Amino acid sequence: MAASTHTVTNQVPPLVGYDVFAADRALVEAVDRHLDPELLDEAREELSALGRTSGSAQVQEWGALANENPPKLRTHDRYGNRIDEVEFHPSWHRLLGKGVSAGLTSAWSRPGGHLRRAAGFVIWTQAEAGNGCPLSMTHAAVPALRTDPALAAEWEPRLTSTIYDQELRPAAQKAGVLFGMGMTEKQGGSDVRANTTEARPLAEDGTYALTGHKWFCSAPMSDGFLVLAQAPGGLTCFLVPRVLEDGTRNVFRIQRLKDKLGNRSNASSEVEFDGTWARRVGDEGRGVRTIIEMVAATRLDCVLGSASLMRQAVAQAIHHSTYREAFGGRLLDKPLMRNVLADLALESEAATTLAMRLAAAYDDGSEQERAFLRLAVPAAKYWVTKRCTPVAVEALECLGGNGYVEESGMPRLLRESPLNSIWEGAGNVQALDVLRALQREPGALDAYLREVGRARGADHRLDGAIKNLLAELADLDGIEARARRLVERIALVLQGSLLVRYAPPEVADAFCASRLGGDWGAAFGTLPHSLDLATVVERARPVS
């Protein structure tokens, strides 16, 4: 019999054994809103199945194990032969295999594919965000390869396959493949035009030998990589297969794995090319233009990944507050804690609603929606990813000291939270990209204004924010120095317009009052006390 001093009371049961999709009302409503009604029943069934898997005890254990047992680099075999392989924990392969089989790399091949995949990505990466990287890059490689119809015909069926094959062998012998990407170099970082990797043409048309390095190359055990290198005609995009058609290994020397703050289950590496065989993708000198569609798709995944992390952090905080008692009652019922939780819930719902709107625009594919994405994607990538870390910090604090302990899972969310803001171009890169869209593509601003204009007249604070944004856009003085401020307003106005149109009145009212109306402090938990905060929190509570 346990000693009375060791009796455990007032501890919160784990958030496990639930449907991650069905418990997320904002996500469910976004799928219902944007997806063709004829596809809804199938999509709901598919996403709920994935949601139950993601919320299961088994998959949560896989996520923890993959994170606790990071990948290991094996440069040589026991006999001294160079092999350049990365060894992953079995849980990593289970997670990645489930993600592939769930269609998270097959958006391009089915109706409503981008929206369905986006919802699945938000659901699945809540279990462990690290496996999102190879899923994202494999998905995003498709539009870049489509610049070369022959390459696309060869590789796209493998990239969009729902079969995960982890073995390194010629791609032609595999039912499914994964892709990685390598753009940044030691001397250049985001300035990829400063790349020094050299591409020397070979006798066979369209083939080259690469010599150089990549400072960041994620998922180095992938079957192929899209990389940038300097060809005689300028910076060019290339496909580097990991294994050549004859079964020999391409020269792909993994020098080391990065020791990262978070994202520890995923391998990020430095690689060297030395006569590495590559196939040109697109024309010489047009490398950035060729690979930019891949970059745009992975930037949307950064938004989705941050929305996923925020949703899991908020779900954990509200779940904890539902069961934890302090000062004579549930934390959930305390006015100050309710204010914090409601504020966090607003941030999470705004991120999810915006991310799913962008995914729906990909499915639409019209000229106007493409113009809208040109401005909205970098703006959303800038703002949503930056909101992720403060949400994770505040949600962790809701658990008190328990949240600071690894077993809670909150430290893993916190360590992961800055990544999406850095990956595929940090904040300044996104802000400058928005300026380029405004200056060079007037159709992008027109499409954006048409989108936010659909909510005009519904909320006076939103109307005022739109008016102020137009004034800022009309003033070009010092535009680069104030680009972050401008992009923040672009994103907030877009989020506000979407919530006014689609969210319950309590959510839209609270968002507009705080984010657009200025009735908000510098920390979470400073919403106006007169708002219906209980309804906002209840909407975000993870109950299937």
Protein backbone atom coordinates (compact mmCIF):
# COMPACT_ATOMS: atom_id res chain seq x y z
CA MET A 1 0.00 0.00 0.00
CA ALA A 2 1.37 3.42 -0.99
CA ALA A 3 2.32 5.84 1.75
CA SER A 4 -0.20 8.64 2.23
CA THR A 5 2.43 11.22 1.34
CA HIS A 6 2.65 9.68 -2.15
CA THR A 7 -1.03 9.82 -3.00
CA VAL A 8 -1.40 11.53 -6.39
CA THR A 9 -4.25 14.00 -6.76
CA ASN A 10 -5.10 16.95 -8.99
CA GLN A 11 -2.89 15.76 -11.83
CA VAL A 12 -4.17 16.08 -15.39
CA PRO A 13 -4.76 12.95 -17.51
CA PRO A 14 -2.83 12.91 -20.79
CA LEU A 15 -4.51 14.28 -23.90
CA VAL A 16 -4.55 10.98 -25.75
CA GLY A 17 -6.93 8.65 -27.54
CA TYR A 18 -8.84 11.38 -29.35
CA ASP A 19 -9.57 12.46 -32.92
CA VAL A 20 -7.22 15.37 -33.62
CA PHE A 21 -9.30 16.40 -36.64
CA ALA A 22 -12.79 16.23 -35.15
CA ALA A 23 -11.57 18.03 -32.01
CA ASP A 24 -10.42 21.04 -34.07
CA ARG A 25 -13.58 22.95 -34.95
CA ALA A 26 -11.78 25.63 -36.95
CA LEU A 27 -10.10 23.00 -39.11
CA VAL A 28 -13.28 20.96 -39.61
CA GLU A 29 -15.20 24.05 -40.65
CA ALA A 30 -12.46 25.12 -43.07
CA VAL A 31 -12.58 21.73 -44.81
CA ASP A 32 -16.39 21.92 -45.00
CA ARG A 33 -16.20 25.47 -46.33
CA HIS A 34 -13.63 25.09 -49.07
CA LEU A 35 -13.97 21.51 -50.32
CA ASP A 36 -16.33 20.43 -53.08
CA PRO A 37 -19.46 18.99 -51.37
CA GLU A 38 -19.15 15.84 -53.47
CA LEU A 39 -15.76 15.16 -51.84
CA LEU A 40 -16.73 16.00 -48.27
CA ASP A 41 -17.88 12.64 -46.96
CA GLU A 42 -14.77 10.88 -48.22
CA ALA A 43 -12.49 13.65 -46.94
CA ARG A 44 -14.07 13.75 -43.49
CA GLU A 45 -13.72 9.98 -43.13
CA GLU A 46 -10.12 10.09 -44.32
CA LEU A 47 -9.15 12.99 -42.05
CA SER A 48 -10.90 11.56 -39.00
CA ALA A 49 -9.05 8.27 -39.51
CA LEU A 50 -5.78 10.19 -39.62
CA GLY A 51 -6.91 12.27 -36.64
CA ARG A 52 -7.58 9.17 -34.54
CA THR A 53 -4.19 7.79 -35.51
CA SER A 54 -2.40 11.04 -34.70
CA GLY A 55 -4.13 11.26 -31.33
CA SER A 56 -3.47 7.65 -30.38
CA ALA A 57 -1.15 6.66 -27.55
CA GLN A 58 0.95 4.60 -29.95
CA VAL A 59 1.66 7.43 -32.39
CA GLN A 60 2.33 9.90 -29.59
CA GLU A 61 4.89 7.42 -28.28
CA TRP A 62 6.45 7.18 -31.74
CA GLY A 63 6.80 10.96 -31.81
CA ALA A 64 8.49 11.03 -28.42
CA LEU A 65 10.86 8.19 -29.30
CA ALA A 66 11.84 9.71 -32.66
CA ASN A 67 12.63 12.96 -30.90
CA GLU A 68 14.55 11.33 -28.06
CA ASN A 69 16.62 9.19 -30.45
CA PRO A 70 17.89 11.59 -33.12
CA PRO A 71 19.43 10.36 -36.38
CA LYS A 72 23.05 9.22 -36.54
CA LEU A 73 25.48 9.73 -39.40
CA ARG A 74 27.38 6.70 -40.73
CA THR A 75 30.01 8.00 -43.13
CA HIS A 76 31.80 4.63 -43.59
CA ASP A 77 30.98 0.97 -43.26
CA ARG A 78 33.02 -1.43 -41.11
CA TYR A 79 35.49 -2.01 -43.95
CA GLY A 80 36.24 1.66 -44.56
CA ASN A 81 34.02 2.15 -47.59
CA ARG A 82 32.30 5.51 -47.81
CA ILE A 83 28.52 5.00 -47.50
CA ASP A 84 27.16 8.38 -46.30
CA GLU A 85 24.03 7.02 -44.66
CA VAL A 86 21.86 8.34 -41.87
CA GLU A 87 20.40 5.90 -39.39
CA PHE A 88 16.96 6.73 -37.96
CA HIS A 89 15.05 5.27 -35.04
CA PRO A 90 12.31 2.84 -36.18
CA SER A 91 9.68 5.26 -34.89
CA TRP A 92 10.82 7.84 -37.45
CA HIS A 93 10.18 5.39 -40.29
CA ARG A 94 6.78 4.51 -38.84
CA LEU A 95 5.80 8.17 -38.68
CA LEU A 96 7.08 8.98 -42.14
CA GLY A 97 5.47 5.88 -43.61
CA LYS A 98 2.11 6.80 -42.13
CA GLY A 99 2.43 10.34 -43.48
CA VAL A 100 3.16 9.10 -46.99
CA SER A 101 0.35 6.54 -46.92
CA ALA A 102 -2.05 9.26 -45.74
CA GLY A 103 -1.47 11.16 -48.98
CA LEU A 104 0.67 13.98 -47.61
CA THR A 105 2.81 13.91 -50.76
CA SER A 106 -0.02 13.38 -53.27
CA ALA A 107 -1.88 16.70 -53.38
CA TRP A 108 -1.25 17.23 -57.08
CA SER A 109 -2.96 14.06 -58.26
CA ARG A 110 -6.50 14.24 -56.85
CA PRO A 111 -9.46 16.66 -56.69
CA GLY A 112 -9.29 19.02 -53.73
CA GLY A 113 -5.88 17.57 -53.09
CA HIS A 114 -4.20 20.66 -51.65
CA LEU A 115 -6.92 21.36 -49.11
CA ARG A 116 -7.16 17.72 -48.04
CA ARG A 117 -3.40 17.45 -47.77
CA ALA A 118 -3.14 20.73 -45.85
CA ALA A 119 -5.66 19.51 -43.27
CA GLY A 120 -3.81 16.20 -43.04
CA PHE A 121 -0.49 17.99 -42.60
CA VAL A 122 -1.91 20.05 -39.70
CA ILE A 123 -3.27 16.87 -38.10
CA TRP A 124 -0.27 14.63 -38.59
CA THR A 125 2.57 16.98 -37.63
CA GLN A 126 0.96 17.53 -34.22
CA ALA A 127 2.27 14.06 -33.34
CA GLU A 128 5.84 14.99 -34.32
CA ALA A 129 6.80 17.91 -36.53
CA GLY A 130 10.15 16.53 -37.71
CA ASN A 131 8.74 14.16 -40.32
CA GLY A 132 6.97 17.11 -41.92
CA CYS A 133 10.20 18.19 -43.64
CA PRO A 134 10.61 15.28 -46.13
CA LEU A 135 6.82 15.18 -46.63
CA SER A 136 6.85 18.87 -47.47
CA MET A 137 9.79 18.83 -49.84
CA THR A 138 8.56 15.74 -51.67
CA HIS A 139 5.18 17.40 -52.18
CA ALA A 140 6.75 20.70 -53.23
CA ALA A 141 9.16 19.22 -55.79
CA VAL A 142 6.35 18.47 -58.24
CA PRO A 143 5.77 21.99 -59.66
CA ALA A 144 9.50 22.53 -60.15
CA LEU A 145 9.87 19.26 -62.07
CA ARG A 146 6.89 20.17 -64.25
CA THR A 147 9.08 22.75 -65.97
CA ASP A 148 10.59 19.72 -67.71
CA PRO A 149 7.76 17.47 -68.97
CA ALA A 150 10.04 14.48 -69.47
CA LEU A 151 11.38 14.67 -65.92
CA ALA A 152 7.89 15.19 -64.53
CA ALA A 153 6.57 12.15 -66.38
CA GLU A 154 9.37 10.05 -64.92
CA TRP A 155 9.39 11.31 -61.33
CA GLU A 156 5.93 12.64 -60.49
CA PRO A 157 4.23 9.22 -60.15
CA ARG A 158 6.91 8.21 -57.66
CA LEU A 159 6.73 11.46 -55.71
CA THR A 160 2.95 11.32 -55.36
CA SER A 161 2.90 7.64 -54.44
CA THR A 162 1.40 6.55 -51.12
CA ILE A 163 4.07 3.87 -50.68
CA TYR A 164 7.03 4.57 -48.41
CA ASP A 165 10.22 2.73 -49.37
CA GLN A 166 13.17 3.64 -47.16
CA GLU A 167 15.82 1.65 -49.03
CA LEU A 168 18.49 3.39 -51.10
CA ARG A 169 18.31 1.96 -54.60
CA PRO A 170 17.64 3.28 -58.12
CA ALA A 171 14.44 5.28 -58.24
CA ALA A 172 13.17 3.25 -61.20
CA GLN A 173 13.06 0.20 -58.90
CA LYS A 174 10.95 1.94 -56.24
CA ALA A 175 7.19 2.38 -55.99
CA GLY A 176 7.60 5.63 -54.08
CA VAL A 177 10.38 8.15 -53.49
CA LEU A 178 11.15 11.16 -51.31
CA PHE A 179 12.85 14.41 -52.29
CA GLY A 180 15.03 16.93 -50.50
CA MET A 181 16.38 20.33 -51.47
CA GLY A 182 19.72 22.13 -51.25
CA MET A 183 19.99 25.85 -51.98
CA THR A 184 21.91 27.63 -49.23
CA GLU A 185 25.69 27.64 -48.99
CA LYS A 186 28.21 28.72 -46.36
CA GLN A 187 28.96 32.07 -47.92
CA GLY A 188 25.49 33.01 -49.12
CA GLY A 189 22.64 31.84 -46.92
CA SER A 190 19.44 33.30 -48.34
CA ASP A 191 21.44 35.08 -51.05
CA VAL A 192 21.45 32.02 -53.33
CA ARG A 193 22.79 34.02 -56.27
CA ALA A 194 26.09 34.05 -54.38
CA ASN A 195 26.29 30.25 -54.65
CA THR A 196 29.65 28.87 -55.76
CA THR A 197 28.80 25.23 -56.55
CA GLU A 198 29.92 24.64 -60.15
CA ALA A 199 28.00 22.66 -62.76
CA ARG A 200 30.13 21.36 -65.64
CA PRO A 201 28.23 20.05 -68.71
CA LEU A 202 28.77 16.39 -69.60
CA ALA A 203 28.56 14.74 -72.99
CA GLU A 204 24.93 13.65 -72.58
CA ASP A 205 22.57 16.54 -73.20
CA GLY A 206 21.13 18.00 -70.00
CA THR A 207 23.58 16.23 -67.67
CA TYR A 208 26.26 17.88 -65.55
CA ALA A 209 28.92 17.17 -62.95
CA LEU A 210 28.54 19.26 -59.79
CA THR A 211 31.41 20.33 -57.54
CA GLY A 212 30.74 22.29 -54.39
CA HIS A 213 28.77 22.13 -51.17
CA LYS A 214 25.42 22.79 -49.51
CA TRP A 215 25.36 24.24 -45.99
CA PHE A 216 21.82 23.01 -45.28
CA CYS A 217 20.43 19.88 -46.89
CA SER A 218 17.50 18.35 -45.03
CA ALA A 219 16.38 14.73 -45.27
CA PRO A 220 19.69 13.51 -46.76
CA MET A 221 18.42 9.93 -47.12
CA SER A 222 15.93 11.06 -49.77
CA ASP A 223 16.01 9.56 -53.26
CA GLY A 224 16.58 12.84 -55.06
CA PHE A 225 17.35 16.50 -54.43
CA LEU A 226 16.68 19.74 -56.20
CA VAL A 227 19.76 21.94 -55.90
CA LEU A 228 21.10 25.19 -57.34
CA ALA A 229 24.52 25.47 -59.00
CA GLN A 230 26.37 27.80 -61.36
CA ALA A 231 26.24 26.46 -64.93
CA PRO A 232 27.93 28.24 -67.86
CA GLY A 233 24.67 30.11 -68.44
CA GLY A 234 24.23 31.16 -64.83
CA LEU A 235 22.49 29.87 -61.71
CA THR A 236 20.55 26.75 -62.66
CA CYS A 237 18.34 24.14 -61.01
CA PHE A 238 19.43 20.50 -61.01
CA LEU A 239 18.05 17.12 -59.96
CA VAL A 240 20.63 15.08 -58.03
CA PRO A 241 19.64 11.42 -57.60
CA ARG A 242 20.99 9.68 -54.51
CA VAL A 243 21.51 6.40 -56.41
CA LEU A 244 22.33 6.24 -60.11
CA GLU A 245 20.46 4.09 -62.63
CA ASP A 246 23.16 1.38 -62.60
CA GLY A 247 22.82 0.99 -58.82
CA THR A 248 25.98 2.83 -57.84
CA ARG A 249 25.83 5.60 -55.27
CA ASN A 250 26.08 9.14 -56.57
CA VAL A 251 28.81 11.25 -54.95
CA PHE A 252 26.88 12.73 -52.03
CA ARG A 253 29.24 13.19 -49.10
CA ILE A 254 27.47 13.96 -45.87
CA GLN A 255 30.03 15.88 -43.86
CA ARG A 256 28.02 16.20 -40.66
CA LEU A 257 24.51 16.49 -39.23
CA LYS A 258 23.42 19.77 -37.71
CA ASP A 259 23.00 19.83 -33.94
CA LYS A 260 19.74 21.78 -33.90
CA LEU A 261 17.67 23.54 -31.26
CA GLY A 262 14.58 21.53 -32.19
CA ASN A 263 13.34 19.42 -35.08
CA ARG A 264 15.69 16.81 -33.71
CA SER A 265 14.08 13.74 -35.22
CA ASN A 266 14.81 15.07 -38.72
CA ALA A 267 18.32 14.98 -40.16
CA SER A 268 19.68 18.28 -41.49
CA SER A 269 23.11 17.98 -43.03
CA GLU A 270 26.05 19.57 -44.78
CA VAL A 271 26.90 17.83 -48.05
CA GLU A 272 29.75 17.99 -50.53
CA PHE A 273 29.54 17.37 -54.27
CA ASP A 274 32.65 16.20 -56.15
CA GLY A 275 31.84 15.29 -59.73
CA THR A 276 28.30 14.50 -58.63
CA TRP A 277 26.02 13.51 -61.52
CA ALA A 278 23.01 15.78 -62.02
CA ARG A 279 20.24 16.43 -64.52
CA ARG A 280 19.30 19.99 -65.43
CA VAL A 281 15.77 21.11 -64.57
CA GLY A 282 14.64 24.03 -66.71
CA ASP A 283 16.93 26.30 -68.66
CA GLU A 284 20.41 27.42 -67.67
CA GLY A 285 20.43 30.71 -65.82
CA ARG A 286 16.82 30.33 -64.66
CA GLY A 287 17.45 28.33 -61.51
CA VAL A 288 15.60 30.62 -59.11
CA ARG A 289 12.58 30.90 -61.40
CA THR A 290 12.52 27.10 -61.77
CA ILE A 291 12.75 26.30 -58.08
CA ILE A 292 10.56 29.17 -56.87
CA GLU A 293 7.35 27.12 -57.15
CA MET A 294 8.89 24.54 -54.83
CA VAL A 295 9.85 27.32 -52.44
CA ALA A 296 6.31 28.75 -52.53
CA ALA A 297 4.80 25.36 -51.71
CA THR A 298 7.18 24.77 -48.82
CA ARG A 299 6.45 28.27 -47.51
CA LEU A 300 2.78 27.35 -47.32
CA ASP A 301 3.84 24.26 -45.38
CA CYS A 302 5.68 26.55 -42.96
CA VAL A 303 2.35 28.29 -42.32
CA LEU A 304 0.60 24.92 -41.94
CA GLY A 305 3.35 23.62 -39.66
CA SER A 306 3.10 26.65 -37.39
CA ALA A 307 -0.70 26.38 -37.34
CA SER A 308 -0.27 22.74 -36.33
CA LEU A 309 2.14 23.56 -33.50
CA MET A 310 -0.08 26.36 -32.23
CA ARG A 311 -3.14 24.14 -32.28
CA GLN A 312 -1.39 21.41 -30.28
CA ALA A 313 0.01 23.92 -27.78
CA VAL A 314 -3.42 25.52 -27.26
CA ALA A 315 -5.14 22.13 -27.04
CA GLN A 316 -2.71 21.05 -24.32
CA ALA A 317 -3.16 24.30 -22.38
CA ILE A 318 -6.96 24.15 -22.47
CA HIS A 319 -6.98 20.44 -21.67
CA HIS A 320 -4.75 21.06 -18.66
CA SER A 321 -6.93 23.93 -17.46
CA THR A 322 -10.06 21.81 -17.83
CA TYR A 323 -8.83 19.26 -15.28
CA ARG A 324 -6.46 21.19 -13.04
CA GLU A 325 -7.90 22.81 -9.92
CA ALA A 326 -6.40 25.75 -8.04
CA PHE A 327 -7.68 28.37 -5.61
CA GLY A 328 -11.00 26.62 -5.15
CA GLY A 329 -11.97 25.71 -8.70
CA ARG A 330 -10.94 24.68 -12.20
CA LEU A 331 -8.32 26.81 -13.88
CA LEU A 332 -10.61 26.95 -16.90
CA ASP A 333 -13.19 28.87 -14.88
CA LYS A 334 -10.82 31.50 -13.54
CA PRO A 335 -11.41 34.80 -15.39
CA LEU A 336 -7.73 35.61 -15.85
CA MET A 337 -6.79 32.14 -17.09
CA ARG A 338 -9.82 32.18 -19.37
CA ASN A 339 -8.54 35.43 -20.87
CA VAL A 340 -5.15 33.86 -21.58
CA LEU A 341 -6.67 30.75 -23.12
CA ALA A 342 -9.09 32.73 -25.26
CA ASP A 343 -6.28 34.94 -26.54
CA LEU A 344 -4.22 31.88 -27.47
CA ALA A 345 -7.25 30.28 -29.11
CA LEU A 346 -7.76 33.37 -31.27
CA GLU A 347 -4.19 33.21 -32.53
CA SER A 348 -4.51 29.52 -33.32
CA GLU A 349 -7.84 29.82 -35.13
CA ALA A 350 -6.66 32.80 -37.17
CA ALA A 351 -3.58 30.83 -38.28
CA THR A 352 -5.59 27.75 -39.23
CA THR A 353 -8.25 29.73 -41.09
CA LEU A 354 -5.66 31.63 -43.10
CA ALA A 355 -3.57 28.54 -43.89
CA MET A 356 -6.57 26.63 -45.19
CA ARG A 357 -7.69 29.58 -47.31
CA LEU A 358 -4.28 29.53 -48.99
CA ALA A 359 -4.51 25.78 -49.61
CA ALA A 360 -7.94 26.26 -51.20
CA ALA A 361 -6.44 28.88 -53.53
CA TYR A 362 -3.93 26.28 -54.76
CA ASP A 363 -6.79 23.94 -55.63
CA ASP A 364 -8.68 26.71 -57.44
CA GLY A 365 -5.69 27.49 -59.66
CA SER A 366 -7.32 30.49 -61.39
CA GLU A 367 -5.27 33.50 -62.44
CA GLN A 368 -6.80 35.61 -59.69
CA GLU A 369 -6.06 33.02 -57.01
CA ARG A 370 -2.48 32.66 -58.23
CA ALA A 371 -2.09 36.43 -57.97
CA PHE A 372 -3.59 36.33 -54.47
CA LEU A 373 -1.11 33.64 -53.40
CA ARG A 374 1.83 35.69 -54.71
CA LEU A 375 1.19 38.26 -51.99
CA ALA A 376 -0.64 36.23 -49.34
CA VAL A 377 1.83 33.35 -49.01
CA PRO A 378 4.92 35.38 -48.01
CA ALA A 379 2.78 37.65 -45.81
CA ALA A 380 1.24 34.64 -44.04
CA LYS A 381 4.60 32.92 -43.81
CA TYR A 382 6.07 36.02 -42.19
CA TRP A 383 3.32 36.59 -39.63
CA VAL A 384 1.95 33.16 -38.71
CA THR A 385 5.36 31.61 -38.19
CA LYS A 386 6.42 34.52 -35.99
CA ARG A 387 3.34 34.11 -33.78
CA CYS A 388 4.14 30.46 -33.13
CA THR A 389 6.86 30.90 -30.53
CA PRO A 390 5.01 33.33 -28.23
CA VAL A 391 1.98 31.03 -28.39
CA ALA A 392 4.11 28.03 -27.44
CA VAL A 393 5.72 29.94 -24.55
CA GLU A 394 2.40 31.13 -23.12
CA ALA A 395 0.74 27.74 -23.54
CA LEU A 396 3.65 26.09 -21.75
CA GLU A 397 3.25 28.56 -18.90
CA CYS A 398 -0.41 27.57 -18.56
CA LEU A 399 0.86 24.19 -17.33
CA GLY A 400 3.12 25.85 -14.78
CA GLY A 401 6.16 23.88 -13.72
CA ASN A 402 4.70 20.75 -15.32
CA GLY A 403 4.94 22.46 -18.68
CA TYR A 404 8.66 23.03 -18.22
CA VAL A 405 9.23 19.29 -17.79
CA GLU A 406 10.04 17.20 -20.86
CA GLU A 407 7.37 14.58 -20.12
CA SER A 408 4.63 17.14 -20.77
CA GLY A 409 5.69 17.46 -24.42
CA MET A 410 5.55 21.25 -24.19
CA PRO A 411 9.34 21.81 -24.33
CA ARG A 412 9.42 19.88 -27.62
CA LEU A 413 6.75 22.21 -29.04
CA LEU A 414 8.69 25.24 -27.81
CA ARG A 415 11.98 24.09 -29.35
CA GLU A 416 10.23 23.43 -32.64
CA SER A 417 8.35 26.73 -32.72
CA PRO A 418 11.03 29.07 -34.25
CA LEU A 419 11.89 26.74 -37.12
CA ASN A 420 9.18 27.63 -39.63
CA SER A 421 10.04 31.32 -39.33
CA ILE A 422 13.62 30.55 -40.40
CA TRP A 423 13.06 27.76 -42.94
CA GLU A 424 12.57 28.86 -46.58
CA GLY A 425 13.58 32.42 -45.87
CA ALA A 426 13.47 34.21 -42.53
CA GLY A 427 11.33 37.25 -41.71
CA ASN A 428 13.22 39.87 -43.70
CA VAL A 429 13.26 37.66 -46.79
CA GLN A 430 9.48 37.28 -46.62
CA ALA A 431 8.93 40.98 -46.04
CA LEU A 432 11.10 41.92 -49.02
CA ASP A 433 9.29 39.32 -51.13
CA VAL A 434 5.99 41.01 -50.31
CA LEU A 435 7.48 44.36 -51.41
CA ARG A 436 8.59 42.80 -54.69
CA ALA A 437 5.08 41.48 -55.29
CA LEU A 438 3.60 44.91 -54.58
CA GLN A 439 6.05 46.68 -56.87
CA ARG A 440 6.20 44.23 -59.77
CA GLU A 441 2.83 42.48 -59.78
CA PRO A 442 -0.07 44.91 -59.34
CA GLY A 443 -2.49 42.04 -59.88
CA ALA A 444 -1.37 40.57 -56.56
CA LEU A 445 -2.50 43.61 -54.58
CA ASP A 446 -5.75 43.76 -56.53
CA ALA A 447 -6.48 40.13 -55.71
CA TYR A 448 -5.66 40.69 -52.05
CA LEU A 449 -7.88 43.77 -51.80
CA ARG A 450 -10.75 41.91 -53.47
CA GLU A 451 -10.37 39.16 -50.88
CA VAL A 452 -10.39 41.40 -47.80
CA GLY A 453 -13.04 43.60 -49.40
CA ARG A 454 -15.54 40.75 -49.20
CA ALA A 455 -15.83 41.44 -45.47
CA ARG A 456 -16.14 45.22 -45.71
CA GLY A 457 -19.01 46.71 -43.77
CA ALA A 458 -19.29 43.77 -41.38
CA ASP A 459 -17.05 45.20 -38.63
CA HIS A 460 -16.05 48.83 -38.16
CA ARG A 461 -12.63 47.88 -36.75
CA LEU A 462 -11.83 45.81 -39.82
CA ASP A 463 -13.03 48.65 -42.06
CA GLY A 464 -10.72 51.05 -40.21
CA ALA A 465 -7.79 48.65 -40.51
CA ILE A 466 -8.33 48.32 -44.26
CA LYS A 467 -8.43 52.11 -44.62
CA ASN A 468 -5.19 52.49 -42.62
CA LEU A 469 -3.52 49.75 -44.67
CA LEU A 470 -4.40 51.51 -47.91
CA ALA A 471 -2.84 54.69 -46.54
CA GLU A 472 0.35 52.81 -45.69
CA LEU A 473 0.45 51.25 -49.14
CA ALA A 474 0.12 54.67 -50.75
CA ASP A 475 3.17 56.01 -48.88
CA LEU A 476 6.39 54.71 -50.44
CA ASP A 477 8.72 56.76 -48.23
CA GLY A 478 11.10 54.46 -46.34
CA ILE A 479 9.14 51.44 -47.56
CA GLU A 480 11.95 48.89 -47.02
CA ALA A 481 12.71 49.98 -43.47
CA ARG A 482 9.05 49.63 -42.49
CA ALA A 483 8.39 46.49 -44.53
CA ARG A 484 7.85 44.32 -41.44
CA ARG A 485 5.19 46.65 -40.09
CA LEU A 486 3.44 46.72 -43.46
CA VAL A 487 3.49 42.94 -43.90
CA GLU A 488 2.19 42.44 -40.35
CA ARG A 489 -0.79 44.66 -41.17
CA ILE A 490 -1.40 42.85 -44.47
CA ALA A 491 -1.54 39.52 -42.66
CA LEU A 492 -3.68 40.76 -39.76
CA VAL A 493 -6.22 42.42 -42.04
CA LEU A 494 -6.47 39.23 -44.09
CA GLN A 495 -6.94 37.10 -40.96
CA GLY A 496 -9.55 39.54 -39.64
CA SER A 497 -11.49 39.52 -42.89
CA LEU A 498 -11.57 35.72 -42.95
CA LEU A 499 -12.71 35.45 -39.33
CA VAL A 500 -15.41 38.08 -39.83
CA ARG A 501 -16.76 36.08 -42.76
CA TYR A 502 -16.38 32.57 -41.41
CA ALA A 503 -15.81 32.35 -37.64
CA PRO A 504 -18.47 32.57 -34.90
CA PRO A 505 -19.27 36.18 -33.90
CA GLU A 506 -17.54 35.77 -30.53
CA VAL A 507 -14.25 34.84 -32.23
CA ALA A 508 -14.41 37.53 -34.90
CA ASP A 509 -15.38 40.19 -32.33
CA ALA A 510 -12.49 39.32 -30.03
CA PHE A 511 -9.96 39.22 -32.89
CA CYS A 512 -11.05 42.55 -34.35
CA ALA A 513 -11.20 44.25 -30.95
CA SER A 514 -7.67 43.16 -30.05
CA ARG A 515 -5.64 42.72 -33.24
CA LEU A 516 -7.30 45.41 -35.35
CA GLY A 517 -9.02 47.73 -32.87
CA GLY A 518 -6.02 48.18 -30.59
CA ASP A 519 -7.78 47.08 -27.38
CA TRP A 520 -4.98 44.68 -26.49
CA GLY A 521 -1.84 44.59 -24.37
CA ALA A 522 1.66 43.43 -25.19
CA ALA A 523 1.14 39.91 -23.77
CA PHE A 524 -1.50 37.21 -24.15
CA GLY A 525 -4.34 37.43 -21.68
CA THR A 526 -5.04 41.14 -22.22
CA LEU A 527 -8.31 40.89 -24.17
CA PRO A 528 -11.16 43.26 -23.25
CA HIS A 529 -12.99 41.74 -20.28
CA SER A 530 -16.39 42.48 -21.78
CA LEU A 531 -15.96 39.91 -24.58
CA ASP A 532 -17.55 36.44 -24.52
CA LEU A 533 -14.30 34.66 -23.73
CA ALA A 534 -15.89 31.49 -22.35
CA THR A 535 -17.39 30.72 -25.76
CA VAL A 536 -14.04 31.30 -27.47
CA VAL A 537 -12.27 28.90 -25.10
CA GLU A 538 -14.99 26.25 -25.32
CA ARG A 539 -14.75 26.30 -29.11
CA ALA A 540 -11.03 25.53 -28.90
CA ARG A 541 -11.34 22.80 -26.26
CA PRO A 542 -10.07 19.46 -27.69
CA VAL A 543 -13.18 17.32 -27.27
CA SER A 544 -14.05 14.89 -30.08
